[in-house]
Amino acid sequence: MVEPTGTLPPRLLRTPEAARFLGLSGRTLEKHRTYGTGPTYMKIGGRVVYAVADLQSWAARGAKSSTADPGADVIHPARRLQESRSFDAR
Protein backbone atom coordinates (compact mmCIF):
# COMPACT_ATOMS: atom_id res chain seq x y z
CA MET A 1 0.00 0.00 0.00
CA VAL A 2 1.31 3.42 -0.94
CA GLU A 3 1.23 6.15 1.67
CA PRO A 4 -0.72 9.18 0.39
CA THR A 5 1.65 11.59 2.18
CA GLY A 6 4.83 10.03 0.78
CA THR A 7 6.82 11.95 -1.81
CA LEU A 8 7.15 10.50 -5.26
CA PRO A 9 10.58 9.83 -6.71
CA PRO A 10 11.64 11.99 -9.65
CA ARG A 11 10.04 10.97 -12.94
CA LEU A 12 12.62 9.44 -15.27
CA LEU A 13 12.27 9.49 -19.06
CA ARG A 14 14.12 7.44 -21.66
CA THR A 15 15.72 9.28 -24.60
CA PRO A 16 12.70 9.21 -26.97
CA GLU A 17 10.34 10.46 -24.23
CA ALA A 18 12.82 13.12 -23.08
CA ALA A 19 13.29 14.32 -26.65
CA ARG A 20 9.54 14.67 -27.13
CA PHE A 21 9.30 16.51 -23.80
CA LEU A 22 11.88 19.04 -25.08
CA GLY A 23 10.49 19.19 -28.61
CA LEU A 24 13.68 17.73 -30.10
CA SER A 25 14.39 14.62 -32.10
CA GLY A 26 15.86 11.65 -30.28
CA ARG A 27 18.98 11.88 -32.43
CA THR A 28 19.51 15.54 -31.49
CA LEU A 29 19.30 14.67 -27.80
CA GLU A 30 21.79 11.82 -28.35
CA LYS A 31 24.18 14.27 -30.03
CA HIS A 32 23.83 16.69 -27.12
CA ARG A 33 24.74 13.83 -24.79
CA THR A 34 27.76 12.88 -26.91
CA TYR A 35 29.13 16.43 -27.10
CA GLY A 36 28.36 17.32 -23.49
CA THR A 37 26.01 20.17 -24.43
CA GLY A 38 22.78 18.57 -23.24
CA PRO A 39 20.90 18.03 -20.03
CA THR A 40 22.23 15.91 -17.18
CA TYR A 41 21.44 12.22 -17.60
CA MET A 42 21.86 8.98 -15.66
CA LYS A 43 22.66 5.45 -16.72
CA ILE A 44 20.69 2.77 -14.94
CA GLY A 45 21.43 -0.79 -15.97
CA GLY A 46 22.97 0.44 -19.23
CA ARG A 47 19.91 2.55 -20.08
CA VAL A 48 20.07 6.32 -20.37
CA VAL A 49 17.38 8.17 -18.42
CA TYR A 50 16.67 11.81 -17.76
CA ALA A 51 14.95 13.32 -14.71
CA VAL A 52 12.16 15.69 -15.73
CA ALA A 53 13.57 18.32 -13.35
CA ASP A 54 16.94 18.15 -15.16
CA LEU A 55 15.26 18.57 -18.55
CA GLN A 56 13.30 21.57 -17.30
CA SER A 57 16.42 23.12 -15.76
CA TRP A 58 18.44 22.66 -18.96
CA ALA A 59 15.68 24.15 -21.12
CA ALA A 60 15.29 27.10 -18.73
CA ARG A 61 18.95 28.04 -19.34
CA GLY A 62 17.87 29.32 -22.75
CA ALA A 63 15.07 31.53 -21.40
CA LYS A 64 15.04 35.08 -22.76
CA SER A 65 12.56 37.94 -22.48
CA SER A 66 13.32 39.51 -25.89
CA THR A 67 15.58 39.15 -28.91
CA ALA A 68 17.86 41.80 -27.40
CA ASP A 69 18.14 39.88 -24.11
CA PRO A 70 21.51 38.10 -23.94
CA GLY A 71 20.07 35.76 -21.29
CA ALA A 72 21.88 34.31 -18.33
CA ASP A 73 23.22 31.30 -20.19
CA VAL A 74 23.39 29.73 -23.63
CA ILE A 75 22.19 26.37 -24.88
CA HIS A 76 24.71 25.35 -27.50
CA PRO A 77 23.78 23.50 -30.68
CA ALA A 78 24.26 19.73 -30.71
CA ARG A 79 27.77 19.78 -32.11
CA ARG A 80 31.30 19.66 -30.80
CA LEU A 81 32.26 22.87 -29.02
CA GLN A 82 35.33 24.62 -30.41
CA GLU A 83 38.18 24.80 -27.95
CA SER A 84 39.83 28.17 -27.75
CA ARG A 85 43.46 27.73 -28.71
CA SER A 86 46.11 30.36 -28.86
CA PHE A 87 48.78 29.81 -31.46
CA ASP A 88 52.12 31.54 -31.44
CA ALA A 89 52.89 33.24 -34.74
CA ARG A 90 56.30 32.01 -35.75
PDB file of N, CA and C in Angstrom:
ATOM      1  N   MET A   1       0.828  -1.181   0.000  1.00  0.00           N
ATOM      2  CA  MET A   1       0.000   0.000   0.000  1.00  0.00           C
ATOM      3  C   MET A   1       0.874   1.246   0.000  1.00  0.00           C
ATOM      4  N   VAL A   2       0.548   2.191  -0.836  1.00  0.00           N
ATOM      5  CA  VAL A   2       1.310   3.423  -0.944  1.00  0.00           C
ATOM      6  C   VAL A   2       0.759   4.456   0.025  1.00  0.00           C
ATOM      7  N   GLU A   3       1.670   5.104   0.747  1.00  0.00           N
ATOM      8  CA  GLU A   3       1.232   6.148   1.670  1.00  0.00           C
ATOM      9  C   GLU A   3       0.867   7.401   0.889  1.00  0.00           C
ATOM     10  N   PRO A   4      -0.304   7.994   1.143  1.00  0.00           N
ATOM     11  CA  PRO A   4      -0.718   9.181   0.395  1.00  0.00           C
ATOM     12  C   PRO A   4       0.141  10.408   0.689  1.00  0.00           C
ATOM     13  N   THR A   5       0.827  10.425   1.840  1.00  0.00           N
ATOM     14  CA  THR A   5       1.647  11.590   2.181  1.00  0.00           C
ATOM     15  C   THR A   5       3.094  11.433   1.733  1.00  0.00           C
ATOM     16  N   GLY A   6       3.456  10.266   1.215  1.00  0.00           N
ATOM     17  CA  GLY A   6       4.826  10.032   0.776  1.00  0.00           C
ATOM     18  C   GLY A   6       5.147  10.833  -0.473  1.00  0.00           C
ATOM     19  N   THR A   7       6.421  11.210  -0.613  1.00  0.00           N
ATOM     20  CA  THR A   7       6.820  11.952  -1.805  1.00  0.00           C
ATOM     21  C   THR A   7       7.179  10.974  -2.912  1.00  0.00           C
ATOM     22  N   LEU A   8       6.857  11.345  -4.109  1.00  0.00           N
ATOM     23  CA  LEU A   8       7.146  10.500  -5.262  1.00  0.00           C
ATOM     24  C   LEU A   8       8.586  10.713  -5.702  1.00  0.00           C
ATOM     25  N   PRO A   9       9.228   9.659  -6.183  1.00  0.00           N
ATOM     26  CA  PRO A   9      10.584   9.830  -6.709  1.00  0.00           C
ATOM     27  C   PRO A   9      10.530  10.645  -7.997  1.00  0.00           C
ATOM     28  N   PRO A  10      11.663  11.201  -8.408  1.00  0.00           N
ATOM     29  CA  PRO A  10      11.643  11.991  -9.651  1.00  0.00           C
ATOM     30  C   PRO A  10      11.246  11.123 -10.837  1.00  0.00           C
ATOM     31  N   ARG A  11      10.479  11.690 -11.737  1.00  0.00           N
ATOM     32  CA  ARG A  11      10.043  10.972 -12.941  1.00  0.00           C
ATOM     33  C   ARG A  11      11.229  10.872 -13.877  1.00  0.00           C
ATOM     34  N   LEU A  12      11.505   9.677 -14.361  1.00  0.00           N
ATOM     35  CA  LEU A  12      12.622   9.443 -15.271  1.00  0.00           C
ATOM     36  C   LEU A  12      12.088   9.100 -16.655  1.00  0.00           C
ATOM     37  N   LEU A  13      12.690   9.701 -17.672  1.00  0.00           N
ATOM     38  CA  LEU A  13      12.273   9.489 -19.059  1.00  0.00           C
ATOM     39  C   LEU A  13      13.429   8.902 -19.846  1.00  0.00           C
ATOM     40  N   ARG A  14      13.122   7.963 -20.734  1.00  0.00           N
ATOM     41  CA  ARG A  14      14.124   7.436 -21.660  1.00  0.00           C
ATOM     42  C   ARG A  14      14.346   8.484 -22.758  1.00  0.00           C
ATOM     43  N   THR A  15      15.346   8.288 -23.589  1.00  0.00           N
ATOM     44  CA  THR A  15      15.717   9.280 -24.596  1.00  0.00           C
ATOM     45  C   THR A  15      14.565   9.692 -25.511  1.00  0.00           C
ATOM     46  N   PRO A  16      13.789   8.767 -26.085  1.00  0.00           N
ATOM     47  CA  PRO A  16      12.698   9.210 -26.968  1.00  0.00           C
ATOM     48  C   PRO A  16      11.658  10.076 -26.250  1.00  0.00           C
ATOM     49  N   GLU A  17      11.317   9.681 -25.006  1.00  0.00           N
ATOM     50  CA  GLU A  17      10.339  10.462 -24.234  1.00  0.00           C
ATOM     51  C   GLU A  17      10.899  11.831 -23.867  1.00  0.00           C
ATOM     52  N   ALA A  18      12.173  11.852 -23.455  1.00  0.00           N
ATOM     53  CA  ALA A  18      12.820  13.117 -23.075  1.00  0.00           C
ATOM     54  C   ALA A  18      12.902  14.056 -24.274  1.00  0.00           C
ATOM     55  N   ALA A  19      13.209  13.502 -25.437  1.00  0.00           N
ATOM     56  CA  ALA A  19      13.291  14.321 -26.648  1.00  0.00           C
ATOM     57  C   ALA A  19      11.932  14.932 -26.975  1.00  0.00           C
ATOM     58  N   ARG A  20      10.886  14.136 -26.891  1.00  0.00           N
ATOM     59  CA  ARG A  20       9.539  14.670 -27.133  1.00  0.00           C
ATOM     60  C   ARG A  20       9.185  15.750 -26.115  1.00  0.00           C
ATOM     61  N   PHE A  21       9.551  15.537 -24.865  1.00  0.00           N
ATOM     62  CA  PHE A  21       9.295  16.509 -23.803  1.00  0.00           C
ATOM     63  C   PHE A  21       9.938  17.859 -24.143  1.00  0.00           C
ATOM     64  N   LEU A  22      11.150  17.820 -24.733  1.00  0.00           N
ATOM     65  CA  LEU A  22      11.876  19.044 -25.083  1.00  0.00           C
ATOM     66  C   LEU A  22      11.528  19.569 -26.472  1.00  0.00           C
ATOM     67  N   GLY A  23      10.809  18.780 -27.249  1.00  0.00           N
ATOM     68  CA  GLY A  23      10.493  19.195 -28.611  1.00  0.00           C
ATOM     69  C   GLY A  23      11.659  19.007 -29.565  1.00  0.00           C
ATOM     70  N   LEU A  24      12.518  18.041 -29.264  1.00  0.00           N
ATOM     71  CA  LEU A  24      13.679  17.732 -30.096  1.00  0.00           C
ATOM     72  C   LEU A  24      13.526  16.328 -30.670  1.00  0.00           C
ATOM     73  N   SER A  25      14.368  16.000 -31.624  1.00  0.00           N
ATOM     74  CA  SER A  25      14.393  14.620 -32.096  1.00  0.00           C
ATOM     75  C   SER A  25      15.264  13.809 -31.134  1.00  0.00           C
ATOM     76  N   GLY A  26      15.043  12.512 -31.113  1.00  0.00           N
ATOM     77  CA  GLY A  26      15.856  11.648 -30.279  1.00  0.00           C
ATOM     78  C   GLY A  26      17.317  11.720 -30.656  1.00  0.00           C
ATOM     79  N   ARG A  27      17.587  11.810 -31.948  1.00  0.00           N
ATOM     80  CA  ARG A  27      18.976  11.881 -32.426  1.00  0.00           C
ATOM     81  C   ARG A  27      19.657  13.166 -31.960  1.00  0.00           C
ATOM     82  N   THR A  28      18.930  14.280 -31.960  1.00  0.00           N
ATOM     83  CA  THR A  28      19.508  15.541 -31.488  1.00  0.00           C
ATOM     84  C   THR A  28      19.870  15.428 -30.014  1.00  0.00           C
ATOM     85  N   LEU A  29      19.007  14.829 -29.223  1.00  0.00           N
ATOM     86  CA  LEU A  29      19.296  14.667 -27.803  1.00  0.00           C
ATOM     87  C   LEU A  29      20.498  13.742 -27.603  1.00  0.00           C
ATOM     88  N   GLU A  30      20.620  12.707 -28.420  1.00  0.00           N
ATOM     89  CA  GLU A  30      21.788  11.820 -28.351  1.00  0.00           C
ATOM     90  C   GLU A  30      23.066  12.588 -28.677  1.00  0.00           C
ATOM     91  N   LYS A  31      23.009  13.463 -29.680  1.00  0.00           N
ATOM     92  CA  LYS A  31      24.185  14.270 -30.034  1.00  0.00           C
ATOM     93  C   LYS A  31      24.552  15.207 -28.896  1.00  0.00           C
ATOM     94  N   HIS A  32      23.554  15.831 -28.276  1.00  0.00           N
ATOM     95  CA  HIS A  32      23.826  16.691 -27.123  1.00  0.00           C
ATOM     96  C   HIS A  32      24.551  15.891 -26.038  1.00  0.00           C
ATOM     97  N   ARG A  33      24.118  14.671 -25.799  1.00  0.00           N
ATOM     98  CA  ARG A  33      24.744  13.831 -24.790  1.00  0.00           C
ATOM     99  C   ARG A  33      26.191  13.510 -25.172  1.00  0.00           C
ATOM    100  N   THR A  34      26.423  13.209 -26.433  1.00  0.00           N
ATOM    101  CA  THR A  34      27.761  12.881 -26.908  1.00  0.00           C
ATOM    102  C   THR A  34      28.720  14.054 -26.774  1.00  0.00           C
ATOM    103  N   TYR A  35      28.267  15.249 -27.113  1.00  0.00           N
ATOM    104  CA  TYR A  35      29.128  16.429 -27.100  1.00  0.00           C
ATOM    105  C   TYR A  35      29.157  17.145 -25.758  1.00  0.00           C
ATOM    106  N   GLY A  36      28.363  16.702 -24.803  1.00  0.00           N
ATOM    107  CA  GLY A  36      28.364  17.324 -23.488  1.00  0.00           C
ATOM    108  C   GLY A  36      27.633  18.651 -23.432  1.00  0.00           C
ATOM    109  N   THR A  37      26.751  18.904 -24.392  1.00  0.00           N
ATOM    110  CA  THR A  37      26.013  20.172 -24.433  1.00  0.00           C
ATOM    111  C   THR A  37      24.581  20.026 -23.963  1.00  0.00           C
ATOM    112  N   GLY A  38      24.176  18.830 -23.584  1.00  0.00           N
ATOM    113  CA  GLY A  38      22.775  18.574 -23.243  1.00  0.00           C
ATOM    114  C   GLY A  38      22.497  18.530 -21.762  1.00  0.00           C
ATOM    115  N   PRO A  39      21.290  18.117 -21.434  1.00  0.00           N
ATOM    116  CA  PRO A  39      20.897  18.026 -20.027  1.00  0.00           C
ATOM    117  C   PRO A  39      21.620  16.881 -19.319  1.00  0.00           C
ATOM    118  N   THR A  40      21.651  16.968 -18.005  1.00  0.00           N
ATOM    119  CA  THR A  40      22.228  15.910 -17.179  1.00  0.00           C
ATOM    120  C   THR A  40      21.426  14.630 -17.372  1.00  0.00           C
ATOM    121  N   TYR A  41      22.119  13.511 -17.442  1.00  0.00           N
ATOM    122  CA  TYR A  41      21.441  12.225 -17.604  1.00  0.00           C
ATOM    123  C   TYR A  41      22.044  11.207 -16.652  1.00  0.00           C
ATOM    124  N   MET A  42      21.384  10.078 -16.508  1.00  0.00           N
ATOM    125  CA  MET A  42      21.862   8.982 -15.664  1.00  0.00           C
ATOM    126  C   MET A  42      21.840   7.701 -16.483  1.00  0.00           C
ATOM    127  N   LYS A  43      22.696   6.781 -16.114  1.00  0.00           N
ATOM    128  CA  LYS A  43      22.658   5.453 -16.725  1.00  0.00           C
ATOM    129  C   LYS A  43      22.260   4.475 -15.638  1.00  0.00           C
ATOM    130  N   ILE A  44      21.177   3.769 -15.892  1.00  0.00           N
ATOM    131  CA  ILE A  44      20.685   2.771 -14.945  1.00  0.00           C
ATOM    132  C   ILE A  44      20.598   1.451 -15.700  1.00  0.00           C
ATOM    133  N   GLY A  45      21.429   0.507 -15.303  1.00  0.00           N
ATOM    134  CA  GLY A  45      21.428  -0.792 -15.974  1.00  0.00           C
ATOM    135  C   GLY A  45      21.745  -0.693 -17.452  1.00  0.00           C
ATOM    136  N   GLY A  46      22.610   0.253 -17.825  1.00  0.00           N
ATOM    137  CA  GLY A  46      22.969   0.436 -19.227  1.00  0.00           C
ATOM    138  C   GLY A  46      21.989   1.283 -20.018  1.00  0.00           C
ATOM    139  N   ARG A  47      20.912   1.715 -19.394  1.00  0.00           N
ATOM    140  CA  ARG A  47      19.912   2.551 -20.076  1.00  0.00           C
ATOM    141  C   ARG A  47      20.100   3.996 -19.668  1.00  0.00           C
ATOM    142  N   VAL A  48      19.972   4.886 -20.631  1.00  0.00           N
ATOM    143  CA  VAL A  48      20.072   6.319 -20.374  1.00  0.00           C
ATOM    144  C   VAL A  48      18.698   6.841 -19.988  1.00  0.00           C
ATOM    145  N   VAL A  49      18.634   7.561 -18.870  1.00  0.00           N
ATOM    146  CA  VAL A  49      17.382   8.166 -18.423  1.00  0.00           C
ATOM    147  C   VAL A  49      17.646   9.605 -18.001  1.00  0.00           C
ATOM    148  N   TYR A  50      16.613  10.407 -18.120  1.00  0.00           N
ATOM    149  CA  TYR A  50      16.666  11.814 -17.759  1.00  0.00           C
ATOM    150  C   TYR A  50      15.598  12.101 -16.714  1.00  0.00           C
ATOM    151  N   ALA A  51      15.946  12.865 -15.678  1.00  0.00           N
ATOM    152  CA  ALA A  51      14.953  13.323 -14.713  1.00  0.00           C
ATOM    153  C   ALA A  51      14.240  14.528 -15.328  1.00  0.00           C
ATOM    154  N   VAL A  52      12.931  14.579 -15.170  1.00  0.00           N
ATOM    155  CA  VAL A  52      12.157  15.686 -15.730  1.00  0.00           C
ATOM    156  C   VAL A  52      12.675  17.019 -15.211  1.00  0.00           C
ATOM    157  N   ALA A  53      13.040  17.077 -13.926  1.00  0.00           N
ATOM    158  CA  ALA A  53      13.565  18.318 -13.349  1.00  0.00           C
ATOM    159  C   ALA A  53      14.844  18.762 -14.055  1.00  0.00           C
ATOM    160  N   ASP A  54      15.713  17.810 -14.439  1.00  0.00           N
ATOM    161  CA  ASP A  54      16.945  18.151 -15.155  1.00  0.00           C
ATOM    162  C   ASP A  54      16.639  18.680 -16.556  1.00  0.00           C
ATOM    163  N   LEU A  55      15.648  18.093 -17.222  1.00  0.00           N
ATOM    164  CA  LEU A  55      15.256  18.565 -18.552  1.00  0.00           C
ATOM    165  C   LEU A  55      14.709  19.988 -18.475  1.00  0.00           C
ATOM    166  N   GLN A  56      13.870  20.236 -17.471  1.00  0.00           N
ATOM    167  CA  GLN A  56      13.304  21.574 -17.303  1.00  0.00           C
ATOM    168  C   GLN A  56      14.390  22.594 -16.975  1.00  0.00           C
ATOM    169  N   SER A  57      15.327  22.221 -16.136  1.00  0.00           N
ATOM    170  CA  SER A  57      16.418  23.118 -15.759  1.00  0.00           C
ATOM    171  C   SER A  57      17.291  23.455 -16.966  1.00  0.00           C
ATOM    172  N   TRP A  58      17.605  22.444 -17.778  1.00  0.00           N
ATOM    173  CA  TRP A  58      18.436  22.664 -18.958  1.00  0.00           C
ATOM    174  C   TRP A  58      17.723  23.575 -19.954  1.00  0.00           C
ATOM    175  N   ALA A  59      16.447  23.329 -20.186  1.00  0.00           N
ATOM    176  CA  ALA A  59      15.682  24.153 -21.121  1.00  0.00           C
ATOM    177  C   ALA A  59      15.556  25.582 -20.611  1.00  0.00           C
ATOM    178  N   ALA A  60      15.434  25.756 -19.304  1.00  0.00           N
ATOM    179  CA  ALA A  60      15.291  27.100 -18.725  1.00  0.00           C
ATOM    180  C   ALA A  60      16.557  27.931 -18.897  1.00  0.00           C
ATOM    181  N   ARG A  61      17.705  27.290 -19.112  1.00  0.00           N
ATOM    182  CA  ARG A  61      18.952  28.036 -19.336  1.00  0.00           C
ATOM    183  C   ARG A  61      18.856  28.911 -20.578  1.00  0.00           C
ATOM    184  N   GLY A  62      18.011  28.555 -21.522  1.00  0.00           N
ATOM    185  CA  GLY A  62      17.874  29.322 -22.751  1.00  0.00           C
ATOM    186  C   GLY A  62      16.780  30.367 -22.698  1.00  0.00           C
ATOM    187  N   ALA A  63      16.184  30.581 -21.526  1.00  0.00           N
ATOM    188  CA  ALA A  63      15.071  31.534 -21.403  1.00  0.00           C
ATOM    189  C   ALA A  63      15.535  32.966 -21.655  1.00  0.00           C
ATOM    190  N   LYS A  64      14.764  33.678 -22.437  1.00  0.00           N
ATOM    191  CA  LYS A  64      15.042  35.080 -22.758  1.00  0.00           C
ATOM    192  C   LYS A  64      13.724  35.835 -22.762  1.00  0.00           C
ATOM    193  N   SER A  65      13.786  37.146 -22.494  1.00  0.00           N
ATOM    194  CA  SER A  65      12.562  37.942 -22.481  1.00  0.00           C
ATOM    195  C   SER A  65      12.363  38.714 -23.785  1.00  0.00           C
ATOM    196  N   SER A  66      13.425  38.848 -24.591  1.00  0.00           N
ATOM    197  CA  SER A  66      13.320  39.512 -25.890  1.00  0.00           C
ATOM    198  C   SER A  66      14.502  39.098 -26.753  1.00  0.00           C
ATOM    199  N   THR A  67      14.464  39.482 -28.020  1.00  0.00           N
ATOM    200  CA  THR A  67      15.579  39.146 -28.906  1.00  0.00           C
ATOM    201  C   THR A  67      16.843  39.902 -28.532  1.00  0.00           C
ATOM    202  N   ALA A  68      16.700  41.018 -27.831  1.00  0.00           N
ATOM    203  CA  ALA A  68      17.860  41.798 -27.400  1.00  0.00           C
ATOM    204  C   ALA A  68      18.438  41.285 -26.080  1.00  0.00           C
ATOM    205  N   ASP A  69      17.713  40.415 -25.394  1.00  0.00           N
ATOM    206  CA  ASP A  69      18.143  39.883 -24.108  1.00  0.00           C
ATOM    207  C   ASP A  69      19.246  38.849 -24.324  1.00  0.00           C
ATOM    208  N   PRO A  70      20.449  39.086 -23.769  1.00  0.00           N
ATOM    209  CA  PRO A  70      21.513  38.099 -23.938  1.00  0.00           C
ATOM    210  C   PRO A  70      21.263  36.833 -23.126  1.00  0.00           C
ATOM    211  N   GLY A  71      20.376  36.925 -22.129  1.00  0.00           N
ATOM    212  CA  GLY A  71      20.074  35.763 -21.294  1.00  0.00           C
ATOM    213  C   GLY A  71      21.187  35.494 -20.304  1.00  0.00           C
ATOM    214  N   ALA A  72      20.898  34.646 -19.355  1.00  0.00           N
ATOM    215  CA  ALA A  72      21.875  34.314 -18.327  1.00  0.00           C
ATOM    216  C   ALA A  72      22.844  33.230 -18.800  1.00  0.00           C
ATOM    217  N   ASP A  73      22.416  32.420 -19.731  1.00  0.00           N
ATOM    218  CA  ASP A  73      23.222  31.301 -20.189  1.00  0.00           C
ATOM    219  C   ASP A  73      22.869  30.997 -21.642  1.00  0.00           C
ATOM    220  N   VAL A  74      23.602  30.087 -22.231  1.00  0.00           N
ATOM    221  CA  VAL A  74      23.394  29.728 -23.632  1.00  0.00           C
ATOM    222  C   VAL A  74      23.234  28.224 -23.732  1.00  0.00           C
ATOM    223  N   ILE A  75      22.294  27.779 -24.541  1.00  0.00           N
ATOM    224  CA  ILE A  75      22.194  26.368 -24.876  1.00  0.00           C
ATOM    225  C   ILE A  75      22.843  26.222 -26.242  1.00  0.00           C
ATOM    226  N   HIS A  76      23.949  25.506 -26.260  1.00  0.00           N
ATOM    227  CA  HIS A  76      24.712  25.351 -27.495  1.00  0.00           C
ATOM    228  C   HIS A  76      24.043  24.353 -28.430  1.00  0.00           C
ATOM    229  N   PRO A  77      24.300  24.481 -29.729  1.00  0.00           N
ATOM    230  CA  PRO A  77      23.777  23.496 -30.678  1.00  0.00           C
ATOM    231  C   PRO A  77      24.389  22.120 -30.396  1.00  0.00           C
ATOM    232  N   ALA A  78      23.777  21.097 -30.911  1.00  0.00           N
ATOM    233  CA  ALA A  78      24.256  19.731 -30.707  1.00  0.00           C
ATOM    234  C   ALA A  78      25.414  19.444 -31.653  1.00  0.00           C
ATOM    235  N   ARG A  79      26.537  20.043 -31.357  1.00  0.00           N
ATOM    236  CA  ARG A  79      27.770  19.781 -32.107  1.00  0.00           C
ATOM    237  C   ARG A  79      28.952  20.027 -31.188  1.00  0.00           C
ATOM    238  N   ARG A  80      30.088  19.541 -31.596  1.00  0.00           N
ATOM    239  CA  ARG A  80      31.297  19.657 -30.796  1.00  0.00           C
ATOM    240  C   ARG A  80      31.631  21.136 -30.588  1.00  0.00           C
ATOM    241  N   LEU A  81      31.892  21.496 -29.330  1.00  0.00           N
ATOM    242  CA  LEU A  81      32.257  22.873 -29.017  1.00  0.00           C
ATOM    243  C   LEU A  81      33.708  23.113 -29.427  1.00  0.00           C
ATOM    244  N   GLN A  82      33.975  24.263 -30.005  1.00  0.00           N
ATOM    245  CA  GLN A  82      35.332  24.617 -30.413  1.00  0.00           C
ATOM    246  C   GLN A  82      36.132  25.001 -29.186  1.00  0.00           C
ATOM    247  N   GLU A  83      37.305  24.419 -29.049  1.00  0.00           N
ATOM    248  CA  GLU A  83      38.180  24.796 -27.955  1.00  0.00           C
ATOM    249  C   GLU A  83      38.934  26.047 -28.364  1.00  0.00           C
ATOM    250  N   SER A  84      39.074  26.965 -27.430  1.00  0.00           N
ATOM    251  CA  SER A  84      39.832  28.174 -27.754  1.00  0.00           C
ATOM    252  C   SER A  84      41.313  27.861 -27.609  1.00  0.00           C
ATOM    253  N   ARG A  85      42.017  28.008 -28.694  1.00  0.00           N
ATOM    254  CA  ARG A  85      43.458  27.727 -28.706  1.00  0.00           C
ATOM    255  C   ARG A  85      44.189  28.980 -29.118  1.00  0.00           C
ATOM    256  N   SER A  86      45.286  29.228 -28.449  1.00  0.00           N
ATOM    257  CA  SER A  86      46.114  30.362 -28.864  1.00  0.00           C
ATOM    258  C   SER A  86      47.367  29.798 -29.518  1.00  0.00           C
ATOM    259  N   PHE A  87      47.621  30.263 -30.706  1.00  0.00           N
ATOM    260  CA  PHE A  87      48.783  29.808 -31.460  1.00  0.00           C
ATOM    261  C   PHE A  87      49.800  30.934 -31.521  1.00  0.00           C
ATOM    262  N   ASP A  88      51.033  30.563 -31.308  1.00  0.00           N
ATOM    263  CA  ASP A  88      52.119  31.543 -31.443  1.00  0.00           C
ATOM    264  C   ASP A  88      52.430  31.728 -32.914  1.00  0.00           C
ATOM    265  N   ALA A  89      52.520  32.965 -33.347  1.00  0.00           N
ATOM    266  CA  ALA A  89      52.886  33.240 -34.738  1.00  0.00           C
ATOM    267  C   ALA A  89      54.394  33.155 -34.846  1.00  0.00           C
ATOM    268  N   ARG A  90      54.856  32.189 -35.618  1.00  0.00           N
ATOM    269  CA  ARG A  90      56.298  32.006 -35.754  1.00  0.00           C
ATOM    270  C   ARG A  90      56.697  32.118 -37.181  1.00  0.00           C
TER     271      ARG A  90
END
